Amino acid sequence: MKKILFLMAAFATFAFAGEAETIKAYSVLTVGIVLGLAAFGAAIGMGNTASATISGTARNPGIGGKLVTTMFIALAMIEAQVIYALVIALILLYKNPLLG
């Protein structure tokens, strides 16, 4: 219930703001949502990757080193997606193309 009241108050401020302030406010809201979803997706992907690596090592301990190396490469690729989302978020915050 508190979240709904907070969102209602946040959206009510847009009605009293000018056009530039509204765009900035929506940009901040968008950045929060984008980074939250990116971090959530990356956490799920990293968890699945670690789980599969542990399962594979438990089944065949002889290839544990190869699996760990492959896991770190996969984790770096997953984390790269979050970094791309961060770059887009920073562009929206500091060099917003909608503000001109």
PDB file of N, CA and C in Angstrom:
ATOM      1  N   MET A   1       0.819  -1.189   0.000  1.00  0.00           N
ATOM      2  CA  MET A   1       0.000   0.000   0.000  1.00  0.00           C
ATOM      3  C   MET A   1       0.864   1.255   0.000  1.00  0.00           C
ATOM      4  N   LYS A   2       1.973   1.196   0.742  1.00  0.00           N
ATOM      5  CA  LYS A   2       2.868   2.349   0.784  1.00  0.00           C
ATOM      6  C   LYS A   2       3.475   2.615  -0.588  1.00  0.00           C
ATOM      7  N   LYS A   3       3.764   1.538  -1.321  1.00  0.00           N
ATOM      8  CA  LYS A   3       4.349   1.707  -2.645  1.00  0.00           C
ATOM      9  C   LYS A   3       3.378   2.393  -3.588  1.00  0.00           C
ATOM     10  N   ILE A   4       2.119   2.029  -3.502  1.00  0.00           N
ATOM     11  CA  ILE A   4       1.109   2.638  -4.366  1.00  0.00           C
ATOM     12  C   ILE A   4       0.962   4.122  -4.038  1.00  0.00           C
ATOM     13  N   LEU A   5       0.939   4.456  -2.758  1.00  0.00           N
ATOM     14  CA  LEU A   5       0.838   5.869  -2.370  1.00  0.00           C
ATOM     15  C   LEU A   5       2.065   6.654  -2.821  1.00  0.00           C
ATOM     16  N   PHE A   6       3.236   6.026  -2.717  1.00  0.00           N
ATOM     17  CA  PHE A   6       4.463   6.682  -3.160  1.00  0.00           C
ATOM     18  C   PHE A   6       4.417   6.946  -4.664  1.00  0.00           C
ATOM     19  N   LEU A   7       3.978   5.952  -5.435  1.00  0.00           N
ATOM     20  CA  LEU A   7       3.897   6.132  -6.881  1.00  0.00           C
ATOM     21  C   LEU A   7       2.849   7.183  -7.251  1.00  0.00           C
ATOM     22  N   MET A   8       1.745   7.208  -6.533  1.00  0.00           N
ATOM     23  CA  MET A   8       0.734   8.228  -6.807  1.00  0.00           C
ATOM     24  C   MET A   8       1.281   9.625  -6.536  1.00  0.00           C
ATOM     25  N   ALA A   9       2.025   9.776  -5.458  1.00  0.00           N
ATOM     26  CA  ALA A   9       2.627  11.078  -5.158  1.00  0.00           C
ATOM     27  C   ALA A   9       3.676  11.439  -6.191  1.00  0.00           C
ATOM     28  N   ALA A  10       4.439  10.448  -6.643  1.00  0.00           N
ATOM     29  CA  ALA A  10       5.472  10.712  -7.643  1.00  0.00           C
ATOM     30  C   ALA A  10       4.852  11.139  -8.965  1.00  0.00           C
ATOM     31  N   PHE A  11       3.791  10.467  -9.373  1.00  0.00           N
ATOM     32  CA  PHE A  11       3.146  10.833 -10.630  1.00  0.00           C
ATOM     33  C   PHE A  11       2.380  12.149 -10.520  1.00  0.00           C
ATOM     34  N   ALA A  12       1.918  12.489  -9.346  1.00  0.00           N
ATOM     35  CA  ALA A  12       1.211  13.760  -9.174  1.00  0.00           C
ATOM     36  C   ALA A  12       2.158  14.935  -9.359  1.00  0.00           C
ATOM     37  N   THR A  13       3.427  14.754  -9.033  1.00  0.00           N
ATOM     38  CA  THR A  13       4.388  15.850  -9.217  1.00  0.00           C
ATOM     39  C   THR A  13       4.595  16.162 -10.688  1.00  0.00           C
ATOM     40  N   PHE A  14       4.361  15.192 -11.572  1.00  0.00           N
ATOM     41  CA  PHE A  14       4.536  15.445 -12.994  1.00  0.00           C
ATOM     42  C   PHE A  14       3.505  16.434 -13.514  1.00  0.00           C
ATOM     43  N   ALA A  15       2.339  16.462 -12.911  1.00  0.00           N
ATOM     44  CA  ALA A  15       1.282  17.362 -13.367  1.00  0.00           C
ATOM     45  C   ALA A  15       1.642  18.820 -13.107  1.00  0.00           C
ATOM     46  N   PHE A  16       2.437  19.075 -12.091  1.00  0.00           N
ATOM     47  CA  PHE A  16       2.797  20.450 -11.734  1.00  0.00           C
ATOM     48  C   PHE A  16       4.167  20.861 -12.251  1.00  0.00           C
ATOM     49  N   ALA A  17       4.845  19.988 -12.953  1.00  0.00           N
ATOM     50  CA  ALA A  17       6.180  20.293 -13.449  1.00  0.00           C
ATOM     51  C   ALA A  17       6.102  20.762 -14.899  1.00  0.00           C
ATOM     52  N   GLY A  18       7.158  21.442 -15.329  1.00  0.00           N
ATOM     53  CA  GLY A  18       7.250  21.852 -16.723  1.00  0.00           C
ATOM     54  C   GLY A  18       7.659  20.675 -17.591  1.00  0.00           C
ATOM     55  N   GLU A  19       7.800  20.925 -18.890  1.00  0.00           N
ATOM     56  CA  GLU A  19       8.107  19.832 -19.811  1.00  0.00           C
ATOM     57  C   GLU A  19       9.490  19.242 -19.560  1.00  0.00           C
ATOM     58  N   ALA A  20      10.498  20.082 -19.369  1.00  0.00           N
ATOM     59  CA  ALA A  20      11.861  19.580 -19.142  1.00  0.00           C
ATOM     60  C   ALA A  20      11.957  18.804 -17.833  1.00  0.00           C
ATOM     61  N   GLU A  21      11.300  19.300 -16.811  1.00  0.00           N
ATOM     62  CA  GLU A  21      11.341  18.601 -15.530  1.00  0.00           C
ATOM     63  C   GLU A  21      10.622  17.258 -15.609  1.00  0.00           C
ATOM     64  N   THR A  22       9.547  17.204 -16.396  1.00  0.00           N
ATOM     65  CA  THR A  22       8.813  15.959 -16.565  1.00  0.00           C
ATOM     66  C   THR A  22       9.679  14.923 -17.269  1.00  0.00           C
ATOM     67  N   ILE A  23      10.382  15.348 -18.301  1.00  0.00           N
ATOM     68  CA  ILE A  23      11.263  14.424 -19.023  1.00  0.00           C
ATOM     69  C   ILE A  23      12.359  13.928 -18.102  1.00  0.00           C
ATOM     70  N   LYS A  24      12.930  14.819 -17.301  1.00  0.00           N
ATOM     71  CA  LYS A  24      13.976  14.401 -16.360  1.00  0.00           C
ATOM     72  C   LYS A  24      13.424  13.422 -15.332  1.00  0.00           C
ATOM     73  N   ALA A  25      12.220  13.682 -14.845  1.00  0.00           N
ATOM     74  CA  ALA A  25      11.626  12.800 -13.846  1.00  0.00           C
ATOM     75  C   ALA A  25      11.342  11.425 -14.437  1.00  0.00           C
ATOM     76  N   TYR A  26      10.801  11.395 -15.647  1.00  0.00           N
ATOM     77  CA  TYR A  26      10.562  10.105 -16.296  1.00  0.00           C
ATOM     78  C   TYR A  26      11.877   9.379 -16.586  1.00  0.00           C
ATOM     79  N   SER A  27      12.919  10.135 -16.903  1.00  0.00           N
ATOM     80  CA  SER A  27      14.219   9.519 -17.149  1.00  0.00           C
ATOM     81  C   SER A  27      14.757   8.848 -15.891  1.00  0.00           C
ATOM     82  N   VAL A  28      14.616   9.521 -14.766  1.00  0.00           N
ATOM     83  CA  VAL A  28      15.078   8.934 -13.503  1.00  0.00           C
ATOM     84  C   VAL A  28      14.278   7.682 -13.177  1.00  0.00           C
ATOM     85  N   LEU A  29      12.982   7.722 -13.383  1.00  0.00           N
ATOM     86  CA  LEU A  29      12.138   6.557 -13.138  1.00  0.00           C
ATOM     87  C   LEU A  29      12.510   5.409 -14.072  1.00  0.00           C
ATOM     88  N   THR A  30      12.759   5.724 -15.324  1.00  0.00           N
ATOM     89  CA  THR A  30      13.149   4.711 -16.304  1.00  0.00           C
ATOM     90  C   THR A  30      14.488   4.088 -15.950  1.00  0.00           C
ATOM     91  N   VAL A  31      15.436   4.910 -15.516  1.00  0.00           N
ATOM     92  CA  VAL A  31      16.753   4.399 -15.134  1.00  0.00           C
ATOM     93  C   VAL A  31      16.629   3.417 -13.980  1.00  0.00           C
ATOM     94  N   GLY A  32      15.827   3.740 -13.005  1.00  0.00           N
ATOM     95  CA  GLY A  32      15.640   2.826 -11.878  1.00  0.00           C
ATOM     96  C   GLY A  32      15.050   1.501 -12.300  1.00  0.00           C
ATOM     97  N   ILE A  33      14.065   1.548 -13.181  1.00  0.00           N
ATOM     98  CA  ILE A  33      13.441   0.312 -13.650  1.00  0.00           C
ATOM     99  C   ILE A  33      14.411  -0.500 -14.504  1.00  0.00           C
ATOM    100  N   VAL A  34      15.124   0.163 -15.407  1.00  0.00           N
ATOM    101  CA  VAL A  34      16.050  -0.531 -16.301  1.00  0.00           C
ATOM    102  C   VAL A  34      17.169  -1.202 -15.510  1.00  0.00           C
ATOM    103  N   LEU A  35      17.769  -0.479 -14.587  1.00  0.00           N
ATOM    104  CA  LEU A  35      18.866  -1.073 -13.819  1.00  0.00           C
ATOM    105  C   LEU A  35      18.374  -2.181 -12.894  1.00  0.00           C
ATOM    106  N   GLY A  36      17.181  -2.015 -12.338  1.00  0.00           N
ATOM    107  CA  GLY A  36      16.631  -3.071 -11.497  1.00  0.00           C
ATOM    108  C   GLY A  36      16.373  -4.342 -12.272  1.00  0.00           C
ATOM    109  N   LEU A  37      15.770  -4.215 -13.461  1.00  0.00           N
ATOM    110  CA  LEU A  37      15.522  -5.400 -14.281  1.00  0.00           C
ATOM    111  C   LEU A  37      16.812  -6.039 -14.779  1.00  0.00           C
ATOM    112  N   ALA A  38      17.785  -5.209 -15.137  1.00  0.00           N
ATOM    113  CA  ALA A  38      19.065  -5.755 -15.597  1.00  0.00           C
ATOM    114  C   ALA A  38      19.777  -6.509 -14.482  1.00  0.00           C
ATOM    115  N   ALA A  39      19.789  -5.945 -13.292  1.00  0.00           N
ATOM    116  CA  ALA A  39      20.440  -6.622 -12.163  1.00  0.00           C
ATOM    117  C   ALA A  39      19.690  -7.897 -11.783  1.00  0.00           C
ATOM    118  N   PHE A  40      18.358  -7.864 -11.841  1.00  0.00           N
ATOM    119  CA  PHE A  40      17.558  -9.045 -11.523  1.00  0.00           C
ATOM    120  C   PHE A  40      17.825 -10.168 -12.522  1.00  0.00           C
ATOM    121  N   GLY A  41      17.830  -9.834 -13.803  1.00  0.00           N
ATOM    122  CA  GLY A  41      18.109 -10.838 -14.831  1.00  0.00           C
ATOM    123  C   GLY A  41      19.515 -11.395 -14.733  1.00  0.00           C
ATOM    124  N   ALA A  42      20.477 -10.530 -14.444  1.00  0.00           N
ATOM    125  CA  ALA A  42      21.858 -10.989 -14.309  1.00  0.00           C
ATOM    126  C   ALA A  42      22.018 -11.898 -13.097  1.00  0.00           C
ATOM    127  N   ALA A  43      21.342 -11.574 -12.019  1.00  0.00           N
ATOM    128  CA  ALA A  43      21.436 -12.421 -10.822  1.00  0.00           C
ATOM    129  C   ALA A  43      20.868 -13.808 -11.092  1.00  0.00           C
ATOM    130  N   ILE A  44      19.765 -13.874 -11.812  1.00  0.00           N
ATOM    131  CA  ILE A  44      19.196 -15.179 -12.160  1.00  0.00           C
ATOM    132  C   ILE A  44      20.149 -15.946 -13.080  1.00  0.00           C
ATOM    133  N   GLY A  45      20.689 -15.272 -14.077  1.00  0.00           N
ATOM    134  CA  GLY A  45      21.625 -15.928 -14.992  1.00  0.00           C
ATOM    135  C   GLY A  45      22.884 -16.406 -14.303  1.00  0.00           C
ATOM    136  N   MET A  46      23.422 -15.595 -13.404  1.00  0.00           N
ATOM    137  CA  MET A  46      24.625 -15.998 -12.677  1.00  0.00           C
ATOM    138  C   MET A  46      24.345 -17.172 -11.754  1.00  0.00           C
ATOM    139  N   GLY A  47      23.187 -17.163 -11.139  1.00  0.00           N
ATOM    140  CA  GLY A  47      22.826 -18.284 -10.275  1.00  0.00           C
ATOM    141  C   GLY A  47      22.686 -19.576 -11.049  1.00  0.00           C
ATOM    142  N   ASN A  48      22.047 -19.508 -12.210  1.00  0.00           N
ATOM    143  CA  ASN A  48      21.919 -20.699 -13.048  1.00  0.00           C
ATOM    144  C   ASN A  48      23.272 -21.193 -13.542  1.00  0.00           C
ATOM    145  N   THR A  49      24.156 -20.257 -13.889  1.00  0.00           N
ATOM    146  CA  THR A  49      25.491 -20.629 -14.356  1.00  0.00           C
ATOM    147  C   THR A  49      26.291 -21.315 -13.254  1.00  0.00           C
ATOM    148  N   ALA A  50      26.263 -20.736 -12.067  1.00  0.00           N
ATOM    149  CA  ALA A  50      26.987 -21.342 -10.942  1.00  0.00           C
ATOM    150  C   ALA A  50      26.395 -22.707 -10.588  1.00  0.00           C
ATOM    151  N   SER A  51      25.085 -22.818 -10.624  1.00  0.00           N
ATOM    152  CA  SER A  51      24.428 -24.089 -10.323  1.00  0.00           C
ATOM    153  C   SER A  51      24.828 -25.168 -11.324  1.00  0.00           C
ATOM    154  N   ALA A  52      24.832 -24.823 -12.601  1.00  0.00           N
ATOM    155  CA  ALA A  52      25.208 -25.795 -13.625  1.00  0.00           C
ATOM    156  C   ALA A  52      26.675 -26.191 -13.494  1.00  0.00           C
ATOM    157  N   THR A  53      27.532 -25.249 -13.144  1.00  0.00           N
ATOM    158  CA  THR A  53      28.952 -25.561 -12.980  1.00  0.00           C
ATOM    159  C   THR A  53      29.178 -26.485 -11.791  1.00  0.00           C
ATOM    160  N   ILE A  54      28.510 -26.211 -10.694  1.00  0.00           N
ATOM    161  CA  ILE A  54      28.649 -27.066  -9.514  1.00  0.00           C
ATOM    162  C   ILE A  54      28.105 -28.459  -9.810  1.00  0.00           C
ATOM    163  N   SER A  55      26.993 -28.538 -10.500  1.00  0.00           N
ATOM    164  CA  SER A  55      26.402 -29.830 -10.858  1.00  0.00           C
ATOM    165  C   SER A  55      27.329 -30.614 -11.789  1.00  0.00           C
ATOM    166  N   GLY A  56      27.897 -29.933 -12.761  1.00  0.00           N
ATOM    167  CA  GLY A  56      28.831 -30.596 -13.676  1.00  0.00           C
ATOM    168  C   GLY A  56      30.088 -31.064 -12.989  1.00  0.00           C
ATOM    169  N   THR A  57      30.604 -30.280 -12.066  1.00  0.00           N
ATOM    170  CA  THR A  57      31.804 -30.679 -11.320  1.00  0.00           C
ATOM    171  C   THR A  57      31.496 -31.858 -10.405  1.00  0.00           C
ATOM    172  N   ALA A  58      30.295 -31.888  -9.834  1.00  0.00           N
ATOM    173  CA  ALA A  58      29.924 -33.009  -8.968  1.00  0.00           C
ATOM    174  C   ALA A  58      29.789 -34.298  -9.771  1.00  0.00           C
ATOM    175  N   ARG A  59      29.334 -34.205 -10.998  1.00  0.00           N
ATOM    176  CA  ARG A  59      29.175 -35.394 -11.834  1.00  0.00           C
ATOM    177  C   ARG A  59      30.499 -35.900 -12.369  1.00  0.00           C
ATOM    178  N   ASN A  60      31.383 -34.973 -12.735  1.00  0.00           N
ATOM    179  CA  ASN A  60      32.670 -35.365 -13.297  1.00  0.00           C
ATOM    180  C   ASN A  60      33.749 -34.442 -12.745  1.00  0.00           C
ATOM    181  N   PRO A  61      34.349 -34.794 -11.606  1.00  0.00           N
ATOM    182  CA  PRO A  61      35.345 -33.912 -10.985  1.00  0.00           C
ATOM    183  C   PRO A  61      36.596 -33.679 -11.826  1.00  0.00           C
ATOM    184  N   GLY A  62      36.841 -34.527 -12.801  1.00  0.00           N
ATOM    185  CA  GLY A  62      38.047 -34.394 -13.621  1.00  0.00           C
ATOM    186  C   GLY A  62      38.044 -33.175 -14.513  1.00  0.00           C
ATOM    187  N   ILE A  63      36.881 -32.701 -14.894  1.00  0.00           N
ATOM    188  CA  ILE A  63      36.825 -31.534 -15.784  1.00  0.00           C
ATOM    189  C   ILE A  63      36.419 -30.266 -15.035  1.00  0.00           C
ATOM    190  N   GLY A  64      36.593 -30.277 -13.727  1.00  0.00           N
ATOM    191  CA  GLY A  64      36.210 -29.107 -12.919  1.00  0.00           C
ATOM    192  C   GLY A  64      36.916 -27.829 -13.345  1.00  0.00           C
ATOM    193  N   GLY A  65      38.197 -27.930 -13.679  1.00  0.00           N
ATOM    194  CA  GLY A  65      38.953 -26.742 -14.090  1.00  0.00           C
ATOM    195  C   GLY A  65      38.422 -26.127 -15.367  1.00  0.00           C
ATOM    196  N   LYS A  66      38.086 -26.974 -16.353  1.00  0.00           N
ATOM    197  CA  LYS A  66      37.531 -26.461 -17.604  1.00  0.00           C
ATOM    198  C   LYS A  66      36.163 -25.820 -17.378  1.00  0.00           C
ATOM    199  N   LEU A  67      35.378 -26.442 -16.505  1.00  0.00           N
ATOM    200  CA  LEU A  67      34.056 -25.890 -16.227  1.00  0.00           C
ATOM    201  C   LEU A  67      34.142 -24.532 -15.535  1.00  0.00           C
ATOM    202  N   VAL A  68      35.076 -24.397 -14.618  1.00  0.00           N
ATOM    203  CA  VAL A  68      35.220 -23.123 -13.908  1.00  0.00           C
ATOM    204  C   VAL A  68      35.673 -22.026 -14.873  1.00  0.00           C
ATOM    205  N   THR A  69      36.588 -22.382 -15.778  1.00  0.00           N
ATOM    206  CA  THR A  69      37.035 -21.395 -16.769  1.00  0.00           C
ATOM    207  C   THR A  69      35.875 -20.950 -17.654  1.00  0.00           C
ATOM    208  N   THR A  70      35.091 -21.911 -18.114  1.00  0.00           N
ATOM    209  CA  THR A  70      33.933 -21.588 -18.941  1.00  0.00           C
ATOM    210  C   THR A  70      32.905 -20.783 -18.154  1.00  0.00           C
ATOM    211  N   MET A  71      32.749 -21.105 -16.873  1.00  0.00           N
ATOM    212  CA  MET A  71      31.805 -20.373 -16.038  1.00  0.00           C
ATOM    213  C   MET A  71      32.212 -18.903 -15.920  1.00  0.00           C
ATOM    214  N   PHE A  72      33.504 -18.646 -15.714  1.00  0.00           N
ATOM    215  CA  PHE A  72      33.941 -17.258 -15.577  1.00  0.00           C
ATOM    216  C   PHE A  72      33.739 -16.473 -16.874  1.00  0.00           C
ATOM    217  N   ILE A  73      33.927 -17.117 -18.011  1.00  0.00           N
ATOM    218  CA  ILE A  73      33.672 -16.448 -19.289  1.00  0.00           C
ATOM    219  C   ILE A  73      32.185 -16.124 -19.413  1.00  0.00           C
ATOM    220  N   ALA A  74      31.329 -17.085 -19.045  1.00  0.00           N
ATOM    221  CA  ALA A  74      29.887 -16.852 -19.111  1.00  0.00           C
ATOM    222  C   ALA A  74      29.467 -15.751 -18.149  1.00  0.00           C
ATOM    223  N   LEU A  75      30.043 -15.726 -16.952  1.00  0.00           N
ATOM    224  CA  LEU A  75      29.703 -14.676 -15.990  1.00  0.00           C
ATOM    225  C   LEU A  75      30.126 -13.301 -16.495  1.00  0.00           C
ATOM    226  N   ALA A  76      31.261 -13.244 -17.175  1.00  0.00           N
ATOM    227  CA  ALA A  76      31.696 -11.958 -17.734  1.00  0.00           C
ATOM    228  C   ALA A  76      30.735 -11.468 -18.816  1.00  0.00           C
ATOM    229  N   MET A  77      30.231 -12.400 -19.619  1.00  0.00           N
ATOM    230  CA  MET A  77      29.265 -12.014 -20.659  1.00  0.00           C
ATOM    231  C   MET A  77      27.941 -11.569 -20.052  1.00  0.00           C
ATOM    232  N   ILE A  78      27.516 -12.239 -18.991  1.00  0.00           N
ATOM    233  CA  ILE A  78      26.277 -11.837 -18.321  1.00  0.00           C
ATOM    234  C   ILE A  78      26.446 -10.452 -17.702  1.00  0.00           C
ATOM    235  N   GLU A  79      27.573 -10.233 -17.072  1.00  0.00           N
ATOM    236  CA  GLU A  79      27.817  -8.941 -16.424  1.00  0.00           C
ATOM    237  C   GLU A  79      27.947  -7.817 -17.454  1.00  0.00           C
ATOM    238  N   ALA A  80      28.413  -8.151 -18.658  1.00  0.00           N
ATOM    239  CA  ALA A  80      28.522  -7.140 -19.713  1.00  0.00           C
ATOM    240  C   ALA A  80      27.153  -6.568 -20.061  1.00  0.00           C
ATOM    241  N   GLN A  81      26.116  -7.396 -20.009  1.00  0.00           N
ATOM    242  CA  GLN A  81      24.773  -6.907 -20.306  1.00  0.00           C
ATOM    243  C   GLN A  81      24.323  -5.874 -19.282  1.00  0.00           C
ATOM    244  N   VAL A  82      24.692  -6.087 -18.026  1.00  0.00           N
ATOM    245  CA  VAL A  82      24.350  -5.116 -16.979  1.00  0.00           C
ATOM    246  C   VAL A  82      25.125  -3.813 -17.191  1.00  0.00           C
ATOM    247  N   ILE A  83      26.359  -3.933 -17.616  1.00  0.00           N
ATOM    248  CA  ILE A  83      27.161  -2.737 -17.879  1.00  0.00           C
ATOM    249  C   ILE A  83      26.569  -1.950 -19.051  1.00  0.00           C
ATOM    250  N   TYR A  84      26.078  -2.655 -20.088  1.00  0.00           N
ATOM    251  CA  TYR A  84      25.411  -1.960 -21.196  1.00  0.00           C
ATOM    252  C   TYR A  84      24.177  -1.219 -20.702  1.00  0.00           C
ATOM    253  N   ALA A  85      23.415  -1.848 -19.829  1.00  0.00           N
ATOM    254  CA  ALA A  85      22.238  -1.183 -19.259  1.00  0.00           C
ATOM    255  C   ALA A  85      22.656   0.038 -18.449  1.00  0.00           C
ATOM    256  N   LEU A  86      23.763  -0.058 -17.725  1.00  0.00           N
ATOM    257  CA  LEU A  86      24.258   1.077 -16.960  1.00  0.00           C
ATOM    258  C   LEU A  86      24.670   2.227 -17.870  1.00  0.00           C
ATOM    259  N   VAL A  87      25.310   1.914 -18.975  1.00  0.00           N
ATOM    260  CA  VAL A  87      25.711   2.962 -19.924  1.00  0.00           C
ATOM    261  C   VAL A  87      24.487   3.669 -20.491  1.00  0.00           C
ATOM    262  N   ILE A  88      23.469   2.901 -20.860  1.00  0.00           N
ATOM    263  CA  ILE A  88      22.237   3.511 -21.373  1.00  0.00           C
ATOM    264  C   ILE A  88      21.583   4.364 -20.294  1.00  0.00           C
ATOM    265  N   ALA A  89      21.600   3.875 -19.065  1.00  0.00           N
ATOM    266  CA  ALA A  89      21.010   4.631 -17.959  1.00  0.00           C
ATOM    267  C   ALA A  89      21.755   5.948 -17.737  1.00  0.00           C
ATOM    268  N   LEU A  90      23.069   5.919 -17.802  1.00  0.00           N
ATOM    269  CA  LEU A  90      23.839   7.148 -17.620  1.00  0.00           C
ATOM    270  C   LEU A  90      23.606   8.135 -18.758  1.00  0.00           C
ATOM    271  N   ILE A  91      23.421   7.613 -19.972  1.00  0.00           N
ATOM    272  CA  ILE A  91      23.090   8.495 -21.093  1.00  0.00           C
ATOM    273  C   ILE A  91      21.744   9.166 -20.852  1.00  0.00           C
ATOM    274  N   LEU A  92      20.764   8.391 -20.372  1.00  0.00           N
ATOM    275  CA  LEU A  92      19.453   8.976 -20.092  1.00  0.00           C
ATOM    276  C   LEU A  92      19.510  10.015 -18.981  1.00  0.00           C
ATOM    277  N   LEU A  93      20.398   9.816 -18.017  1.00  0.00           N
ATOM    278  CA  LEU A  93      20.475  10.761 -16.913  1.00  0.00           C
ATOM    279  C   LEU A  93      21.241  12.028 -17.252  1.00  0.00           C
ATOM    280  N   TYR A  94      22.354  11.896 -17.935  1.00  0.00           N
ATOM    281  CA  TYR A  94      23.254  13.051 -18.085  1.00  0.00           C
ATOM    282  C   TYR A  94      23.315  13.652 -19.490  1.00  0.00           C
ATOM    283  N   LYS A  95      22.966  12.884 -20.502  1.00  0.00           N
ATOM    284  CA  LYS A  95      23.015  13.409 -21.876  1.00  0.00           C
ATOM    285  C   LYS A  95      21.746  12.991 -22.592  1.00  0.00           C
ATOM    286  N   ASN A  96      20.631  13.381 -22.021  1.00  0.00           N
ATOM    287  CA  ASN A  96      19.327  12.941 -22.508  1.00  0.00           C
ATOM    288  C   ASN A  96      19.038  13.548 -23.879  1.00  0.00           C
ATOM    289  N   PRO A  97      18.830  12.708 -24.904  1.00  0.00           N
ATOM    290  CA  PRO A  97      18.566  13.244 -26.258  1.00  0.00           C
ATOM    291  C   PRO A  97      17.182  13.917 -26.365  1.00  0.00           C
ATOM    292  N   LEU A  98      16.294  13.648 -25.434  1.00  0.00           N
ATOM    293  CA  LEU A  98      14.963  14.247 -25.510  1.00  0.00           C
ATOM    294  C   LEU A  98      14.950  15.707 -25.037  1.00  0.00           C
ATOM    295  N   LEU A  99      15.979  16.113 -24.318  1.00  0.00           N
ATOM    296  CA  LEU A  99      16.014  17.488 -23.807  1.00  0.00           C
ATOM    297  C   LEU A  99      16.601  18.470 -24.800  1.00  0.00           C
ATOM    298  N   GLY A 100      17.305  17.951 -25.786  1.00  0.00           N
ATOM    299  CA  GLY A 100      17.814  18.824 -26.838  1.00  0.00           C
ATOM    300  C   GLY A 100      19.075  19.485 -26.569  1.00  0.00           C
TER     301      GLY A 100
END
